[in-house]
Amino acid sequence: MAIAVGGAVMTPVALGVGVVLLIAAFGEDDGEFGVGLGPTVGSLRVGRGGVPSAYAPMILKAAADCEAGLQPAVLGAQLKQESNFDPQARSPGVGAQGIAQFMPGTWPTWATDGNGNGTRSVWEPADAIAGQGRFMCSLMRKGRAHPQYDGSPTELALAGYNAGWGRVDEYRGVPPAEFARGQTFHYVRNIMALAKQFTAPTSSGEVRLPAGYTLPSGTPREVRTAVA
């Protein structure tokens, strides 16, 4: 069986060898924290020092489904920060659930059947990561609509995910370290740093695809390929 991710056809054999990543190049400045992902996004680092290989296709698809420039390394870093990639994670006293740590009151808005099994469960990584991508994409659109706010669209989206967009509006940017004992401020800073770590550099030249991978016709020039 082949798996389609970001327009590439990925076979189980190829998945066992490596993951071909198709990442569009988006421009974004460094933002408030000075750890931007550069003017050209590289590839998602998978495996040691990166995201678990089991979740890479889900993260790539969630990012590819967003037209607002959501970077897969950001989604991966966010999952690391939220749950350390634990699909059964719970936050005692807070109520957040699953790999993407959705609150019970928030999940119904973004619940997605990411694996096509007919259910939308916060405990299933495919569903939760798809929902995370939809939620972050919505926040990215808001961030891009407010260039006057302090912080890049990605930083603003992360702050909205953690504290709610109302707080981003209130502070006209990422809430400062004085807000909530610095929880949101450090949340954004940590994820941006992790995202840089989770982004593997991509060659600007042609990359030979391994057997089992194909690129769709009309693939834009801005899309780079890399094998992780």
C-alpha atoms as a PDB file:
ATOM      1  CA  MET A   1       0.000   0.000   0.000  1.00  0.00           C
ATOM      2  CA  ALA A   2       1.286   3.482  -0.859  1.00  0.00           C
ATOM      3  CA  ILE A   3       0.856   6.516   1.378  1.00  0.00           C
ATOM      4  CA  ALA A   4       0.446   9.961  -0.168  1.00  0.00           C
ATOM      5  CA  VAL A   5       2.122  12.740   1.791  1.00  0.00           C
ATOM      6  CA  GLY A   6       2.382  16.259   0.456  1.00  0.00           C
ATOM      7  CA  GLY A   7       1.944  14.986  -3.089  1.00  0.00           C
ATOM      8  CA  ALA A   8       4.623  12.285  -2.878  1.00  0.00           C
ATOM      9  CA  VAL A   9       3.747   8.611  -3.049  1.00  0.00           C
ATOM     10  CA  MET A  10       5.474   6.760  -0.226  1.00  0.00           C
ATOM     11  CA  THR A  11       5.611   2.970  -0.139  1.00  0.00           C
ATOM     12  CA  PRO A  12       6.191   0.920   3.032  1.00  0.00           C
ATOM     13  CA  VAL A  13       9.567  -0.168   1.643  1.00  0.00           C
ATOM     14  CA  ALA A  14      10.606   3.419   1.072  1.00  0.00           C
ATOM     15  CA  LEU A  15       9.353   4.409   4.507  1.00  0.00           C
ATOM     16  CA  GLY A  16      11.642   1.796   5.971  1.00  0.00           C
ATOM     17  CA  VAL A  17      14.624   3.368   4.222  1.00  0.00           C
ATOM     18  CA  GLY A  18      13.895   7.011   4.817  1.00  0.00           C
ATOM     19  CA  VAL A  19      11.266   9.706   4.444  1.00  0.00           C
ATOM     20  CA  VAL A  20      11.209  12.035   1.485  1.00  0.00           C
ATOM     21  CA  LEU A  21      10.075  15.432   2.621  1.00  0.00           C
ATOM     22  CA  LEU A  22       8.443  17.995   0.391  1.00  0.00           C
ATOM     23  CA  ILE A  23       8.607  21.406   2.013  1.00  0.00           C
ATOM     24  CA  ALA A  24       7.556  24.678   0.436  1.00  0.00           C
ATOM     25  CA  ALA A  25       9.836  27.647   0.967  1.00  0.00           C
ATOM     26  CA  PHE A  26       8.226  30.425   2.969  1.00  0.00           C
ATOM     27  CA  GLY A  27       9.736  33.717   4.018  1.00  0.00           C
ATOM     28  CA  GLU A  28       9.472  34.731   7.645  1.00  0.00           C
ATOM     29  CA  ASP A  29      11.655  36.932   9.783  1.00  0.00           C
ATOM     30  CA  ASP A  30      13.254  35.881  13.042  1.00  0.00           C
ATOM     31  CA  GLY A  31      10.548  37.471  15.155  1.00  0.00           C
ATOM     32  CA  GLU A  32      10.893  38.509  18.748  1.00  0.00           C
ATOM     33  CA  PHE A  33      13.002  35.548  19.803  1.00  0.00           C
ATOM     34  CA  GLY A  34      15.635  35.737  17.084  1.00  0.00           C
ATOM     35  CA  VAL A  35      15.487  32.056  16.247  1.00  0.00           C
ATOM     36  CA  GLY A  36      13.503  32.198  13.032  1.00  0.00           C
ATOM     37  CA  LEU A  37      13.681  29.328  10.618  1.00  0.00           C
ATOM     38  CA  GLY A  38      15.343  31.437   7.957  1.00  0.00           C
ATOM     39  CA  PRO A  39      14.006  32.714   4.649  1.00  0.00           C
ATOM     40  CA  THR A  40      13.985  29.177   3.210  1.00  0.00           C
ATOM     41  CA  VAL A  41      12.641  26.235   5.133  1.00  0.00           C
ATOM     42  CA  GLY A  42      14.618  23.032   5.046  1.00  0.00           C
ATOM     43  CA  SER A  43      13.347  19.548   5.678  1.00  0.00           C
ATOM     44  CA  LEU A  44      11.955  17.920   8.777  1.00  0.00           C
ATOM     45  CA  ARG A  45      14.527  15.998  10.757  1.00  0.00           C
ATOM     46  CA  VAL A  46      13.198  12.504  11.370  1.00  0.00           C
ATOM     47  CA  GLY A  47      14.531   9.953  13.810  1.00  0.00           C
ATOM     48  CA  ARG A  48      17.435  10.642  16.124  1.00  0.00           C
ATOM     49  CA  GLY A  49      17.466  14.313  17.078  1.00  0.00           C
ATOM     50  CA  GLY A  50      14.152  14.900  15.340  1.00  0.00           C
ATOM     51  CA  VAL A  51      10.570  13.689  15.304  1.00  0.00           C
ATOM     52  CA  PRO A  52       9.674   9.999  15.635  1.00  0.00           C
ATOM     53  CA  SER A  53       9.371   8.409  12.192  1.00  0.00           C
ATOM     54  CA  ALA A  54       5.875   7.111  12.981  1.00  0.00           C
ATOM     55  CA  TYR A  55       4.564  10.667  13.253  1.00  0.00           C
ATOM     56  CA  ALA A  56       6.506  12.284  10.396  1.00  0.00           C
ATOM     57  CA  PRO A  57       3.924  11.605   7.639  1.00  0.00           C
ATOM     58  CA  MET A  58       1.148  12.941   9.874  1.00  0.00           C
ATOM     59  CA  ILE A  59       3.095  16.118  10.633  1.00  0.00           C
ATOM     60  CA  LEU A  60       4.002  16.649   6.984  1.00  0.00           C
ATOM     61  CA  LYS A  61       0.418  16.246   5.839  1.00  0.00           C
ATOM     62  CA  ALA A  62      -0.889  18.602   8.537  1.00  0.00           C
ATOM     63  CA  ALA A  63       1.596  21.253   7.426  1.00  0.00           C
ATOM     64  CA  ALA A  64       0.954  20.668   3.723  1.00  0.00           C
ATOM     65  CA  ASP A  65      -2.794  21.070   4.221  1.00  0.00           C
ATOM     66  CA  CYS A  66      -2.257  24.614   5.537  1.00  0.00           C
ATOM     67  CA  GLU A  67      -1.950  27.418   2.999  1.00  0.00           C
ATOM     68  CA  ALA A  68      -0.680  29.935   5.562  1.00  0.00           C
ATOM     69  CA  GLY A  69       2.945  28.786   5.667  1.00  0.00           C
ATOM     70  CA  LEU A  70       2.787  26.436   8.638  1.00  0.00           C
ATOM     71  CA  GLN A  71       6.126  24.694   8.907  1.00  0.00           C
ATOM     72  CA  PRO A  72       6.306  20.993   9.794  1.00  0.00           C
ATOM     73  CA  ALA A  73       9.289  21.550  12.081  1.00  0.00           C
ATOM     74  CA  VAL A  74       7.109  23.894  14.158  1.00  0.00           C
ATOM     75  CA  LEU A  75       4.383  21.270  14.491  1.00  0.00           C
ATOM     76  CA  GLY A  76       6.964  18.670  15.453  1.00  0.00           C
ATOM     77  CA  ALA A  77       8.576  20.953  18.016  1.00  0.00           C
ATOM     78  CA  GLN A  78       5.178  21.824  19.420  1.00  0.00           C
ATOM     79  CA  LEU A  79       4.347  18.153  19.924  1.00  0.00           C
ATOM     80  CA  LYS A  80       7.678  17.663  21.661  1.00  0.00           C
ATOM     81  CA  GLN A  81       6.955  20.588  23.986  1.00  0.00           C
ATOM     82  CA  GLU A  82       3.339  19.630  24.628  1.00  0.00           C
ATOM     83  CA  SER A  83       3.625  15.909  25.294  1.00  0.00           C
ATOM     84  CA  ASN A  84       7.093  14.640  24.365  1.00  0.00           C
ATOM     85  CA  PHE A  85       5.262  12.748  21.594  1.00  0.00           C
ATOM     86  CA  ASP A  86       3.199  10.751  24.107  1.00  0.00           C
ATOM     87  CA  PRO A  87      -0.287  10.074  22.633  1.00  0.00           C
ATOM     88  CA  GLN A  88      -1.621   9.202  26.097  1.00  0.00           C
ATOM     89  CA  ALA A  89      -0.321  12.347  27.810  1.00  0.00           C
ATOM     90  CA  ARG A  90      -2.551  14.034  30.367  1.00  0.00           C
ATOM     91  CA  SER A  91      -2.021  17.277  32.240  1.00  0.00           C
ATOM     92  CA  PRO A  92      -3.154  16.798  35.855  1.00  0.00           C
ATOM     93  CA  GLY A  93      -5.115  19.751  37.136  1.00  0.00           C
ATOM     94  CA  VAL A  94      -5.340  21.314  33.667  1.00  0.00           C
ATOM     95  CA  GLY A  95      -7.213  18.730  31.647  1.00  0.00           C
ATOM     96  CA  ALA A  96      -5.213  18.823  28.413  1.00  0.00           C
ATOM     97  CA  GLN A  97      -5.236  15.502  26.596  1.00  0.00           C
ATOM     98  CA  GLY A  98      -3.281  13.547  24.007  1.00  0.00           C
ATOM     99  CA  ILE A  99      -0.194  14.117  21.921  1.00  0.00           C
ATOM    100  CA  ALA A 100      -1.253  17.683  21.009  1.00  0.00           C
ATOM    101  CA  GLN A 101      -2.669  18.445  24.481  1.00  0.00           C
ATOM    102  CA  PHE A 102      -6.105  19.661  23.454  1.00  0.00           C
ATOM    103  CA  MET A 103      -8.434  20.886  26.146  1.00  0.00           C
ATOM    104  CA  PRO A 104     -11.762  18.990  26.216  1.00  0.00           C
ATOM    105  CA  GLY A 105     -13.622  22.188  25.395  1.00  0.00           C
ATOM    106  CA  THR A 106     -11.377  22.998  22.436  1.00  0.00           C
ATOM    107  CA  TRP A 107     -11.095  19.584  20.792  1.00  0.00           C
ATOM    108  CA  PRO A 108     -14.648  19.466  19.322  1.00  0.00           C
ATOM    109  CA  THR A 109     -13.882  22.566  17.226  1.00  0.00           C
ATOM    110  CA  TRP A 110     -10.774  21.041  15.641  1.00  0.00           C
ATOM    111  CA  ALA A 111     -11.540  17.326  15.877  1.00  0.00           C
ATOM    112  CA  THR A 112     -10.456  15.597  12.668  1.00  0.00           C
ATOM    113  CA  ASP A 113     -10.576  12.040  11.393  1.00  0.00           C
ATOM    114  CA  GLY A 114      -6.949  12.009  10.325  1.00  0.00           C
ATOM    115  CA  ASN A 115      -6.681   8.303   9.574  1.00  0.00           C
ATOM    116  CA  GLY A 116     -10.075   7.756   7.991  1.00  0.00           C
ATOM    117  CA  ASN A 117     -11.285   5.171  10.522  1.00  0.00           C
ATOM    118  CA  GLY A 118     -14.568   6.961  11.140  1.00  0.00           C
ATOM    119  CA  THR A 119     -13.681   8.392  14.553  1.00  0.00           C
ATOM    120  CA  ARG A 120     -12.228  11.678  15.755  1.00  0.00           C
ATOM    121  CA  SER A 121     -10.283  10.858  18.891  1.00  0.00           C
ATOM    122  CA  VAL A 122      -7.932  13.163  20.738  1.00  0.00           C
ATOM    123  CA  TRP A 123      -6.056  10.006  21.785  1.00  0.00           C
ATOM    124  CA  GLU A 124      -5.255   8.930  18.225  1.00  0.00           C
ATOM    125  CA  PRO A 125      -2.102  10.696  16.962  1.00  0.00           C
ATOM    126  CA  ALA A 126      -3.364  10.857  13.362  1.00  0.00           C
ATOM    127  CA  ASP A 127      -6.519  12.656  14.494  1.00  0.00           C
ATOM    128  CA  ALA A 128      -4.841  14.888  17.059  1.00  0.00           C
ATOM    129  CA  ILE A 129      -2.010  15.981  14.753  1.00  0.00           C
ATOM    130  CA  ALA A 130      -4.458  16.756  11.958  1.00  0.00           C
ATOM    131  CA  GLY A 131      -6.498  18.798  14.434  1.00  0.00           C
ATOM    132  CA  GLN A 132      -3.355  20.519  15.704  1.00  0.00           C
ATOM    133  CA  GLY A 133      -2.509  21.477  12.125  1.00  0.00           C
ATOM    134  CA  ARG A 134      -5.977  22.917  11.493  1.00  0.00           C
ATOM    135  CA  PHE A 135      -5.892  24.890  14.751  1.00  0.00           C
ATOM    136  CA  MET A 136      -2.398  26.222  14.104  1.00  0.00           C
ATOM    137  CA  CYS A 137      -3.286  27.083  10.509  1.00  0.00           C
ATOM    138  CA  SER A 138      -6.217  29.168  11.701  1.00  0.00           C
ATOM    139  CA  LEU A 139      -3.921  30.952  14.150  1.00  0.00           C
ATOM    140  CA  MET A 140      -1.278  31.458  11.448  1.00  0.00           C
ATOM    141  CA  ARG A 141      -3.868  33.252   9.310  1.00  0.00           C
ATOM    142  CA  LYS A 142      -4.653  35.528  12.235  1.00  0.00           C
ATOM    143  CA  GLY A 143      -0.957  36.167  12.798  1.00  0.00           C
ATOM    144  CA  ARG A 144      -0.412  37.121   9.175  1.00  0.00           C
ATOM    145  CA  ALA A 145      -3.405  39.463   9.384  1.00  0.00           C
ATOM    146  CA  HIS A 146      -1.709  41.389  12.224  1.00  0.00           C
ATOM    147  CA  PRO A 147       1.771  42.396  10.980  1.00  0.00           C
ATOM    148  CA  GLN A 148       1.751  45.248  13.487  1.00  0.00           C
ATOM    149  CA  TYR A 149       1.876  42.834  16.419  1.00  0.00           C
ATOM    150  CA  ASP A 150       5.155  41.948  18.111  1.00  0.00           C
ATOM    151  CA  GLY A 151       6.272  38.555  16.888  1.00  0.00           C
ATOM    152  CA  SER A 152       6.300  36.604  13.642  1.00  0.00           C
ATOM    153  CA  PRO A 153       3.096  34.867  12.469  1.00  0.00           C
ATOM    154  CA  THR A 154       4.458  31.572  13.784  1.00  0.00           C
ATOM    155  CA  GLU A 155       5.230  33.036  17.208  1.00  0.00           C
ATOM    156  CA  LEU A 156       1.808  34.662  17.380  1.00  0.00           C
ATOM    157  CA  ALA A 157       0.142  31.377  16.422  1.00  0.00           C
ATOM    158  CA  LEU A 158       2.037  29.472  19.095  1.00  0.00           C
ATOM    159  CA  ALA A 159       1.089  32.069  21.690  1.00  0.00           C
ATOM    160  CA  GLY A 160      -2.550  31.770  20.630  1.00  0.00           C
ATOM    161  CA  TYR A 161      -2.417  27.980  20.898  1.00  0.00           C
ATOM    162  CA  ASN A 162      -1.066  28.221  24.437  1.00  0.00           C
ATOM    163  CA  ALA A 163      -2.888  31.209  25.895  1.00  0.00           C
ATOM    164  CA  GLY A 164      -5.744  31.893  23.488  1.00  0.00           C
ATOM    165  CA  TRP A 165      -5.830  34.494  20.728  1.00  0.00           C
ATOM    166  CA  GLY A 166      -7.530  36.941  23.084  1.00  0.00           C
ATOM    167  CA  ARG A 167      -4.283  37.263  25.015  1.00  0.00           C
ATOM    168  CA  VAL A 168      -2.365  37.898  21.782  1.00  0.00           C
ATOM    169  CA  ASP A 169      -4.808  40.705  20.969  1.00  0.00           C
ATOM    170  CA  GLU A 170      -4.540  42.036  24.518  1.00  0.00           C
ATOM    171  CA  TYR A 171      -0.757  42.313  24.384  1.00  0.00           C
ATOM    172  CA  ARG A 172      -0.602  43.031  20.646  1.00  0.00           C
ATOM    173  CA  GLY A 173       1.879  40.218  20.312  1.00  0.00           C
ATOM    174  CA  VAL A 174       3.352  37.352  22.294  1.00  0.00           C
ATOM    175  CA  PRO A 175       2.448  37.897  25.966  1.00  0.00           C
ATOM    176  CA  PRO A 176       5.478  39.092  27.957  1.00  0.00           C
ATOM    177  CA  ALA A 177       7.389  37.095  30.537  1.00  0.00           C
ATOM    178  CA  GLU A 178       5.331  38.774  33.266  1.00  0.00           C
ATOM    179  CA  PHE A 179       2.149  37.113  32.001  1.00  0.00           C
ATOM    180  CA  ALA A 180       1.243  33.788  33.680  1.00  0.00           C
ATOM    181  CA  ARG A 181       4.718  33.512  35.187  1.00  0.00           C
ATOM    182  CA  GLY A 182       6.242  33.425  31.738  1.00  0.00           C
ATOM    183  CA  GLN A 183       4.447  30.245  30.670  1.00  0.00           C
ATOM    184  CA  THR A 184       3.448  31.455  27.203  1.00  0.00           C
ATOM    185  CA  PHE A 185       6.608  33.505  26.661  1.00  0.00           C
ATOM    186  CA  HIS A 186       8.838  30.509  27.338  1.00  0.00           C
ATOM    187  CA  TYR A 187       6.496  28.135  25.491  1.00  0.00           C
ATOM    188  CA  VAL A 188       6.975  30.151  22.306  1.00  0.00           C
ATOM    189  CA  ARG A 189      10.705  30.585  22.826  1.00  0.00           C
ATOM    190  CA  ASN A 190      11.288  26.888  23.491  1.00  0.00           C
ATOM    191  CA  ILE A 191       9.288  25.718  20.480  1.00  0.00           C
ATOM    192  CA  MET A 192      10.996  28.155  18.114  1.00  0.00           C
ATOM    193  CA  ALA A 193      14.384  26.894  19.280  1.00  0.00           C
ATOM    194  CA  LEU A 194      13.283  23.273  18.935  1.00  0.00           C
ATOM    195  CA  ALA A 195      11.881  23.954  15.472  1.00  0.00           C
ATOM    196  CA  LYS A 196      15.261  25.154  14.341  1.00  0.00           C
ATOM    197  CA  GLN A 197      16.768  21.922  15.683  1.00  0.00           C
ATOM    198  CA  PHE A 198      14.064  19.867  13.929  1.00  0.00           C
ATOM    199  CA  THR A 199      14.746  21.524  10.573  1.00  0.00           C
ATOM    200  CA  ALA A 200      17.346  19.656   8.551  1.00  0.00           C
ATOM    201  CA  PRO A 201      19.154  21.691   5.873  1.00  0.00           C
ATOM    202  CA  THR A 202      18.016  21.080   2.341  1.00  0.00           C
ATOM    203  CA  SER A 203      20.169  21.083  -0.751  1.00  0.00           C
ATOM    204  CA  SER A 204      19.376  23.798  -3.265  1.00  0.00           C
ATOM    205  CA  GLY A 205      20.255  21.436  -6.116  1.00  0.00           C
ATOM    206  CA  GLU A 206      18.522  18.437  -7.560  1.00  0.00           C
ATOM    207  CA  VAL A 207      17.932  15.553  -5.194  1.00  0.00           C
ATOM    208  CA  ARG A 208      17.720  11.997  -6.497  1.00  0.00           C
ATOM    209  CA  LEU A 209      14.596  10.336  -5.172  1.00  0.00           C
ATOM    210  CA  PRO A 210      14.901   6.737  -3.974  1.00  0.00           C
ATOM    211  CA  ALA A 211      12.843   3.966  -5.520  1.00  0.00           C
ATOM    212  CA  GLY A 212       9.207   4.111  -4.543  1.00  0.00           C
ATOM    213  CA  TYR A 213       8.865   7.903  -4.547  1.00  0.00           C
ATOM    214  CA  THR A 214       7.359  10.083  -7.224  1.00  0.00           C
ATOM    215  CA  LEU A 215       6.758  13.800  -7.519  1.00  0.00           C
ATOM    216  CA  PRO A 216       3.476  15.004  -8.991  1.00  0.00           C
ATOM    217  CA  SER A 217       3.562  16.786 -12.326  1.00  0.00           C
ATOM    218  CA  GLY A 218       3.677  20.542 -11.981  1.00  0.00           C
ATOM    219  CA  THR A 219       5.545  20.511  -8.662  1.00  0.00           C
ATOM    220  CA  PRO A 220       6.473  24.181  -8.104  1.00  0.00           C
ATOM    221  CA  ARG A 221      10.085  25.319  -8.074  1.00  0.00           C
ATOM    222  CA  GLU A 222       9.702  26.513  -4.460  1.00  0.00           C
ATOM    223  CA  VAL A 223       9.303  22.949  -3.251  1.00  0.00           C
ATOM    224  CA  ARG A 224      12.558  21.363  -2.158  1.00  0.00           C
ATOM    225  CA  THR A 225      13.146  17.688  -1.538  1.00  0.00           C
ATOM    226  CA  ALA A 226      15.375  15.994   0.973  1.00  0.00           C
ATOM    227  CA  VAL A 227      15.883  12.520   2.333  1.00  0.00           C
ATOM    228  CA  ALA A 228      16.023  12.290   6.100  1.00  0.00           C
END
